[in-house]
Amino acid sequence: MIKDNALLKDIGLLVLRVFLGLAMLFGHGLSKWTKLIEGGEIQFADPFGIGELSSMILAVFAEVFCSALLVFGLLTRLSLIPLIITMAVAVFYVHFSEGFAGFEKALLYLMGYLTLMISGPGKFAIDSLINIKFKK
């Protein structure tokens, strides 16, 4: 049995961070990115009244760029802000009328992102390595 609870916590945060980041990147972000760069008609939710194209660009930024940062644990808390906003929009604006089954996946992402925002990225993150170097 491992006696170091801090190590287990850091391993858990690593698993959560990498899984959420890769799942969002490959499961959602890259398909939106492809749709965005292919051109054509954009049909996308516009919850803030900035236009469908602008809303999609912000979602692609969160789901591709911020998810990649999350995987590596680089600027973790800062990169979580767009991801949290994107998933909150998905839960409460896009899928809420579909009932729990409709917004369940977005809610799971949102809760994972909030957990990481509260806990931080853990020891096995670039953020932690940079922090150690700056402290010395």
N, C-alpha and C. Protein backbone atom coordinates (compact mmCIF):
# COMPACT_ATOMS: atom_id res chain seq x y z
N MET A 1 0.83 -1.19 0.00
CA MET A 1 0.00 0.00 0.00
C MET A 1 0.88 1.25 0.00
N ILE A 2 0.51 2.21 -0.83
CA ILE A 2 1.27 3.45 -0.89
C ILE A 2 0.85 4.33 0.27
N LYS A 3 1.83 4.77 1.05
CA LYS A 3 1.54 5.57 2.24
C LYS A 3 1.51 7.06 1.93
N ASP A 4 2.02 7.46 0.78
CA ASP A 4 2.11 8.87 0.46
C ASP A 4 0.84 9.35 -0.25
N ASN A 5 -0.10 9.87 0.52
CA ASN A 5 -1.36 10.35 -0.05
C ASN A 5 -1.14 11.50 -1.03
N ALA A 6 -0.11 12.32 -0.81
CA ALA A 6 0.18 13.43 -1.72
C ALA A 6 0.55 12.89 -3.10
N LEU A 7 1.31 11.80 -3.13
CA LEU A 7 1.68 11.20 -4.42
C LEU A 7 0.45 10.67 -5.13
N LEU A 8 -0.43 10.00 -4.40
CA LEU A 8 -1.66 9.49 -5.00
C LEU A 8 -2.53 10.62 -5.54
N LYS A 9 -2.61 11.71 -4.79
CA LYS A 9 -3.38 12.87 -5.24
C LYS A 9 -2.80 13.42 -6.54
N ASP A 10 -1.48 13.54 -6.60
CA ASP A 10 -0.83 14.07 -7.80
C ASP A 10 -1.01 13.15 -9.00
N ILE A 11 -0.99 11.86 -8.77
CA ILE A 11 -1.23 10.90 -9.86
C ILE A 11 -2.69 11.02 -10.33
N GLY A 12 -3.61 11.14 -9.40
CA GLY A 12 -5.02 11.32 -9.75
C GLY A 12 -5.26 12.59 -10.55
N LEU A 13 -4.61 13.69 -10.15
CA LEU A 13 -4.76 14.94 -10.89
C LEU A 13 -4.15 14.84 -12.28
N LEU A 14 -3.04 14.13 -12.40
CA LEU A 14 -2.43 13.91 -13.72
C LEU A 14 -3.38 13.14 -14.63
N VAL A 15 -3.94 12.05 -14.11
CA VAL A 15 -4.87 11.24 -14.90
C VAL A 15 -6.08 12.07 -15.31
N LEU A 16 -6.66 12.79 -14.38
CA LEU A 16 -7.83 13.62 -14.68
C LEU A 16 -7.50 14.69 -15.72
N ARG A 17 -6.40 15.38 -15.53
CA ARG A 17 -5.99 16.46 -16.43
C ARG A 17 -5.75 15.96 -17.85
N VAL A 18 -4.98 14.88 -17.96
CA VAL A 18 -4.64 14.34 -19.29
C VAL A 18 -5.88 13.77 -19.97
N PHE A 19 -6.69 13.03 -19.23
CA PHE A 19 -7.89 12.44 -19.83
C PHE A 19 -8.85 13.52 -20.31
N LEU A 20 -9.17 14.49 -19.45
CA LEU A 20 -10.10 15.54 -19.85
C LEU A 20 -9.57 16.35 -21.03
N GLY A 21 -8.28 16.66 -20.99
CA GLY A 21 -7.69 17.44 -22.07
C GLY A 21 -7.72 16.70 -23.40
N LEU A 22 -7.31 15.44 -23.40
CA LEU A 22 -7.29 14.68 -24.66
C LEU A 22 -8.69 14.36 -25.15
N ALA A 23 -9.60 14.04 -24.23
CA ALA A 23 -10.98 13.73 -24.63
C ALA A 23 -11.64 14.95 -25.27
N MET A 24 -11.43 16.12 -24.69
CA MET A 24 -12.01 17.34 -25.27
C MET A 24 -11.35 17.67 -26.60
N LEU A 25 -10.04 17.58 -26.64
CA LEU A 25 -9.30 17.90 -27.87
C LEU A 25 -9.72 17.01 -29.03
N PHE A 26 -9.65 15.70 -28.82
CA PHE A 26 -9.93 14.77 -29.91
C PHE A 26 -11.42 14.50 -30.10
N GLY A 27 -12.20 14.56 -29.04
CA GLY A 27 -13.62 14.25 -29.14
C GLY A 27 -14.48 15.41 -29.60
N HIS A 28 -13.99 16.65 -29.41
CA HIS A 28 -14.82 17.81 -29.72
C HIS A 28 -14.06 18.91 -30.45
N GLY A 29 -12.89 19.25 -29.97
CA GLY A 29 -12.16 20.41 -30.49
C GLY A 29 -11.71 20.28 -31.93
N LEU A 30 -11.09 19.14 -32.28
CA LEU A 30 -10.55 19.01 -33.63
C LEU A 30 -11.63 19.01 -34.70
N SER A 31 -12.79 18.46 -34.40
CA SER A 31 -13.88 18.48 -35.38
C SER A 31 -14.40 19.90 -35.60
N LYS A 32 -14.46 20.68 -34.54
CA LYS A 32 -14.88 22.08 -34.69
C LYS A 32 -13.81 22.87 -35.45
N TRP A 33 -12.55 22.61 -35.14
CA TRP A 33 -11.44 23.28 -35.83
C TRP A 33 -11.54 23.00 -37.33
N THR A 34 -11.73 21.72 -37.70
CA THR A 34 -11.84 21.32 -39.10
C THR A 34 -13.00 22.04 -39.77
N LYS A 35 -14.13 22.07 -39.11
CA LYS A 35 -15.30 22.76 -39.66
C LYS A 35 -15.02 24.24 -39.85
N LEU A 36 -14.29 24.83 -38.92
CA LEU A 36 -13.97 26.25 -38.97
C LEU A 36 -13.04 26.57 -40.13
N ILE A 37 -11.97 25.76 -40.31
CA ILE A 37 -11.00 26.08 -41.37
C ILE A 37 -11.48 25.68 -42.75
N GLU A 38 -12.45 24.77 -42.84
CA GLU A 38 -12.99 24.39 -44.14
C GLU A 38 -13.84 25.50 -44.73
N GLY A 39 -14.25 26.43 -43.92
CA GLY A 39 -15.12 27.50 -44.39
C GLY A 39 -16.55 27.00 -44.42
N GLY A 40 -17.31 27.52 -45.32
CA GLY A 40 -18.70 27.11 -45.42
C GLY A 40 -19.55 27.79 -44.37
N GLU A 41 -20.81 27.42 -44.36
CA GLU A 41 -21.76 28.04 -43.45
C GLU A 41 -21.54 27.55 -42.02
N ILE A 42 -21.49 28.50 -41.11
CA ILE A 42 -21.32 28.17 -39.69
C ILE A 42 -22.67 28.28 -39.00
N GLN A 43 -23.09 27.19 -38.38
CA GLN A 43 -24.29 27.20 -37.54
C GLN A 43 -23.84 26.80 -36.15
N PHE A 44 -23.81 27.78 -35.27
CA PHE A 44 -23.27 27.55 -33.94
C PHE A 44 -24.02 28.44 -32.95
N ALA A 45 -24.12 28.00 -31.72
CA ALA A 45 -24.80 28.77 -30.69
C ALA A 45 -24.10 30.12 -30.48
N ASP A 46 -24.87 31.15 -30.22
CA ASP A 46 -24.34 32.49 -29.98
C ASP A 46 -24.91 33.05 -28.67
N PRO A 47 -24.46 32.50 -27.54
CA PRO A 47 -25.07 32.87 -26.26
C PRO A 47 -24.73 34.29 -25.79
N PHE A 48 -23.66 34.87 -26.29
CA PHE A 48 -23.23 36.19 -25.83
C PHE A 48 -23.51 37.29 -26.85
N GLY A 49 -24.16 36.94 -27.96
CA GLY A 49 -24.52 37.93 -28.97
C GLY A 49 -23.34 38.49 -29.73
N ILE A 50 -22.29 37.71 -29.90
CA ILE A 50 -21.10 38.19 -30.62
C ILE A 50 -21.02 37.61 -32.03
N GLY A 51 -22.00 36.82 -32.40
CA GLY A 51 -22.03 36.20 -33.71
C GLY A 51 -21.65 34.73 -33.64
N GLU A 52 -22.21 33.96 -34.56
CA GLU A 52 -21.95 32.51 -34.57
C GLU A 52 -20.48 32.20 -34.84
N LEU A 53 -19.87 32.91 -35.80
CA LEU A 53 -18.47 32.65 -36.13
C LEU A 53 -17.57 32.97 -34.94
N SER A 54 -17.76 34.11 -34.32
CA SER A 54 -16.95 34.48 -33.15
C SER A 54 -17.13 33.49 -32.01
N SER A 55 -18.36 33.06 -31.78
CA SER A 55 -18.63 32.07 -30.73
C SER A 55 -17.91 30.76 -31.02
N MET A 56 -17.93 30.35 -32.29
CA MET A 56 -17.26 29.10 -32.65
C MET A 56 -15.74 29.23 -32.51
N ILE A 57 -15.19 30.37 -32.88
CA ILE A 57 -13.75 30.60 -32.72
C ILE A 57 -13.36 30.49 -31.25
N LEU A 58 -14.16 31.08 -30.37
CA LEU A 58 -13.87 30.99 -28.93
C LEU A 58 -13.97 29.54 -28.43
N ALA A 59 -14.96 28.81 -28.93
CA ALA A 59 -15.08 27.40 -28.53
C ALA A 59 -13.90 26.59 -29.03
N VAL A 60 -13.45 26.84 -30.26
CA VAL A 60 -12.29 26.14 -30.81
C VAL A 60 -11.04 26.49 -30.01
N PHE A 61 -10.88 27.75 -29.65
CA PHE A 61 -9.75 28.16 -28.82
C PHE A 61 -9.73 27.36 -27.52
N ALA A 62 -10.89 27.28 -26.86
CA ALA A 62 -10.98 26.55 -25.59
C ALA A 62 -10.72 25.06 -25.79
N GLU A 63 -11.43 24.46 -26.76
CA GLU A 63 -11.42 23.01 -26.90
C GLU A 63 -10.14 22.47 -27.55
N VAL A 64 -9.42 23.28 -28.29
CA VAL A 64 -8.17 22.83 -28.90
C VAL A 64 -6.97 23.36 -28.12
N PHE A 65 -6.79 24.67 -28.12
CA PHE A 65 -5.60 25.27 -27.52
C PHE A 65 -5.56 25.06 -26.01
N CYS A 66 -6.65 25.40 -25.33
CA CYS A 66 -6.66 25.28 -23.87
C CYS A 66 -6.62 23.83 -23.42
N SER A 67 -7.24 22.92 -24.19
CA SER A 67 -7.17 21.49 -23.86
C SER A 67 -5.74 20.98 -23.97
N ALA A 68 -5.00 21.43 -24.99
CA ALA A 68 -3.60 21.03 -25.14
C ALA A 68 -2.77 21.53 -23.96
N LEU A 69 -3.00 22.78 -23.54
CA LEU A 69 -2.30 23.31 -22.37
C LEU A 69 -2.63 22.49 -21.13
N LEU A 70 -3.88 22.09 -21.01
CA LEU A 70 -4.31 21.29 -19.86
C LEU A 70 -3.58 19.95 -19.81
N VAL A 71 -3.44 19.30 -20.94
CA VAL A 71 -2.75 18.01 -20.99
C VAL A 71 -1.34 18.12 -20.40
N PHE A 72 -0.64 19.19 -20.76
CA PHE A 72 0.73 19.37 -20.30
C PHE A 72 0.82 20.04 -18.93
N GLY A 73 -0.29 20.55 -18.45
CA GLY A 73 -0.26 21.23 -17.17
C GLY A 73 0.46 22.56 -17.26
N LEU A 74 0.29 23.25 -18.39
CA LEU A 74 0.93 24.54 -18.61
C LEU A 74 -0.13 25.64 -18.56
N LEU A 75 0.08 26.62 -17.70
CA LEU A 75 -0.91 27.68 -17.48
C LEU A 75 -2.28 27.07 -17.18
N THR A 76 -2.26 26.07 -16.34
CA THR A 76 -3.44 25.23 -16.12
C THR A 76 -4.67 26.01 -15.69
N ARG A 77 -4.57 26.77 -14.63
CA ARG A 77 -5.77 27.47 -14.15
C ARG A 77 -6.25 28.52 -15.15
N LEU A 78 -5.33 29.17 -15.81
CA LEU A 78 -5.71 30.15 -16.83
C LEU A 78 -6.39 29.47 -18.01
N SER A 79 -5.89 28.32 -18.43
CA SER A 79 -6.49 27.60 -19.55
C SER A 79 -7.84 26.98 -19.19
N LEU A 80 -8.08 26.77 -17.91
CA LEU A 80 -9.36 26.21 -17.49
C LEU A 80 -10.50 27.22 -17.59
N ILE A 81 -10.22 28.50 -17.53
CA ILE A 81 -11.28 29.51 -17.57
C ILE A 81 -12.10 29.40 -18.85
N PRO A 82 -11.49 29.41 -20.06
CA PRO A 82 -12.31 29.26 -21.28
C PRO A 82 -13.01 27.90 -21.35
N LEU A 83 -12.37 26.85 -20.84
CA LEU A 83 -13.01 25.53 -20.85
C LEU A 83 -14.23 25.50 -19.94
N ILE A 84 -14.13 26.11 -18.78
CA ILE A 84 -15.26 26.16 -17.85
C ILE A 84 -16.40 26.97 -18.46
N ILE A 85 -16.09 28.10 -19.05
CA ILE A 85 -17.13 28.92 -19.68
C ILE A 85 -17.79 28.16 -20.82
N THR A 86 -16.99 27.50 -21.65
CA THR A 86 -17.53 26.74 -22.78
C THR A 86 -18.47 25.63 -22.30
N MET A 87 -18.07 24.90 -21.27
CA MET A 87 -18.92 23.82 -20.77
C MET A 87 -20.14 24.35 -20.03
N ALA A 88 -20.02 25.47 -19.35
CA ALA A 88 -21.20 26.07 -18.71
C ALA A 88 -22.22 26.49 -19.77
N VAL A 89 -21.74 27.04 -20.88
CA VAL A 89 -22.63 27.39 -21.99
C VAL A 89 -23.28 26.13 -22.56
N ALA A 90 -22.47 25.09 -22.73
CA ALA A 90 -23.01 23.83 -23.27
C ALA A 90 -24.09 23.25 -22.36
N VAL A 91 -23.86 23.30 -21.05
CA VAL A 91 -24.84 22.75 -20.10
C VAL A 91 -26.09 23.61 -20.03
N PHE A 92 -25.91 24.90 -19.76
CA PHE A 92 -27.05 25.75 -19.40
C PHE A 92 -27.70 26.47 -20.58
N TYR A 93 -27.03 26.55 -21.72
CA TYR A 93 -27.59 27.26 -22.87
C TYR A 93 -27.92 26.33 -24.02
N VAL A 94 -26.99 25.46 -24.36
CA VAL A 94 -27.15 24.62 -25.56
C VAL A 94 -28.00 23.38 -25.27
N HIS A 95 -27.68 22.64 -24.21
CA HIS A 95 -28.28 21.32 -24.00
C HIS A 95 -29.27 21.24 -22.84
N PHE A 96 -29.47 22.30 -22.08
CA PHE A 96 -30.29 22.22 -20.88
C PHE A 96 -31.72 21.77 -21.17
N SER A 97 -32.28 22.24 -22.28
CA SER A 97 -33.68 21.90 -22.61
C SER A 97 -33.85 20.43 -22.97
N GLU A 98 -32.73 19.73 -23.23
CA GLU A 98 -32.79 18.30 -23.57
C GLU A 98 -32.88 17.42 -22.33
N GLY A 99 -32.80 18.01 -21.16
CA GLY A 99 -32.83 17.24 -19.93
C GLY A 99 -31.45 16.70 -19.59
N PHE A 100 -31.39 15.99 -18.48
CA PHE A 100 -30.10 15.53 -17.96
C PHE A 100 -29.31 14.71 -18.99
N ALA A 101 -29.99 13.83 -19.70
CA ALA A 101 -29.29 13.01 -20.70
C ALA A 101 -28.64 13.87 -21.76
N GLY A 102 -29.21 15.03 -22.05
CA GLY A 102 -28.66 15.91 -23.07
C GLY A 102 -27.44 16.69 -22.61
N PHE A 103 -27.41 17.07 -21.35
CA PHE A 103 -26.28 17.88 -20.87
C PHE A 103 -25.33 17.13 -19.95
N GLU A 104 -25.55 15.84 -19.77
CA GLU A 104 -24.73 15.06 -18.84
C GLU A 104 -23.24 15.11 -19.18
N LYS A 105 -22.88 14.88 -20.43
CA LYS A 105 -21.46 14.86 -20.79
C LYS A 105 -20.80 16.21 -20.56
N ALA A 106 -21.46 17.29 -20.95
CA ALA A 106 -20.91 18.62 -20.72
C ALA A 106 -20.78 18.92 -19.23
N LEU A 107 -21.74 18.44 -18.44
CA LEU A 107 -21.69 18.63 -16.99
C LEU A 107 -20.51 17.87 -16.38
N LEU A 108 -20.24 16.67 -16.87
CA LEU A 108 -19.09 15.91 -16.37
C LEU A 108 -17.77 16.63 -16.67
N TYR A 109 -17.64 17.16 -17.89
CA TYR A 109 -16.46 17.97 -18.22
C TYR A 109 -16.37 19.17 -17.28
N LEU A 110 -17.49 19.87 -17.11
CA LEU A 110 -17.52 21.06 -16.27
C LEU A 110 -17.08 20.74 -14.85
N MET A 111 -17.57 19.66 -14.28
CA MET A 111 -17.20 19.29 -12.91
C MET A 111 -15.72 18.91 -12.82
N GLY A 112 -15.21 18.22 -13.83
CA GLY A 112 -13.78 17.90 -13.86
C GLY A 112 -12.92 19.15 -13.94
N TYR A 113 -13.34 20.09 -14.78
CA TYR A 113 -12.59 21.35 -14.91
C TYR A 113 -12.64 22.16 -13.62
N LEU A 114 -13.80 22.20 -12.97
CA LEU A 114 -13.90 22.92 -11.70
C LEU A 114 -13.03 22.26 -10.63
N THR A 115 -12.99 20.95 -10.62
CA THR A 115 -12.13 20.23 -9.68
C THR A 115 -10.67 20.61 -9.87
N LEU A 116 -10.23 20.65 -11.13
CA LEU A 116 -8.84 21.02 -11.42
C LEU A 116 -8.58 22.49 -11.09
N MET A 117 -9.57 23.35 -11.30
CA MET A 117 -9.40 24.76 -10.96
C MET A 117 -9.18 24.92 -9.46
N ILE A 118 -9.93 24.16 -8.68
CA ILE A 118 -9.82 24.24 -7.22
C ILE A 118 -8.50 23.61 -6.74
N SER A 119 -8.16 22.44 -7.27
CA SER A 119 -7.02 21.68 -6.76
C SER A 119 -5.69 22.10 -7.36
N GLY A 120 -5.73 22.63 -8.57
CA GLY A 120 -4.49 22.91 -9.30
C GLY A 120 -4.08 21.69 -10.09
N PRO A 121 -3.00 21.80 -10.87
CA PRO A 121 -2.62 20.74 -11.79
C PRO A 121 -1.90 19.56 -11.16
N GLY A 122 -1.43 19.71 -9.94
CA GLY A 122 -0.67 18.65 -9.30
C GLY A 122 0.82 18.76 -9.60
N LYS A 123 1.58 17.87 -8.99
CA LYS A 123 3.04 17.89 -9.07
C LYS A 123 3.54 17.56 -10.48
N PHE A 124 2.82 16.71 -11.21
CA PHE A 124 3.28 16.24 -12.52
C PHE A 124 2.73 17.13 -13.63
N ALA A 125 3.10 18.40 -13.57
CA ALA A 125 2.64 19.39 -14.54
C ALA A 125 3.79 20.36 -14.81
N ILE A 126 3.81 20.92 -16.00
CA ILE A 126 4.85 21.90 -16.33
C ILE A 126 4.76 23.09 -15.37
N ASP A 127 3.54 23.47 -15.00
CA ASP A 127 3.38 24.57 -14.04
C ASP A 127 4.19 24.31 -12.77
N SER A 128 4.16 23.10 -12.27
CA SER A 128 4.89 22.76 -11.05
C SER A 128 6.40 22.80 -11.27
N LEU A 129 6.84 22.36 -12.43
CA LEU A 129 8.28 22.39 -12.73
C LEU A 129 8.78 23.82 -12.83
N ILE A 130 8.01 24.68 -13.48
CA ILE A 130 8.38 26.09 -13.61
C ILE A 130 8.40 26.75 -12.24
N ASN A 131 7.42 26.45 -11.43
CA ASN A 131 7.32 27.02 -10.08
C ASN A 131 8.53 26.62 -9.25
N ILE A 132 8.96 25.37 -9.36
CA ILE A 132 10.12 24.90 -8.61
C ILE A 132 11.37 25.65 -9.05
N LYS A 133 11.53 25.82 -10.37
CA LYS A 133 12.71 26.51 -10.88
C LYS A 133 12.75 27.98 -10.44
N PHE A 134 11.61 28.64 -10.41
CA PHE A 134 11.57 30.03 -10.01
C PHE A 134 11.80 30.21 -8.50
N LYS A 135 11.47 29.21 -7.71
CA LYS A 135 11.65 29.30 -6.26
C LYS A 135 13.12 29.16 -5.87
N LYS A 136 13.91 28.47 -6.68
CA LYS A 136 15.32 28.23 -6.31
C LYS A 136 16.18 29.43 -6.60
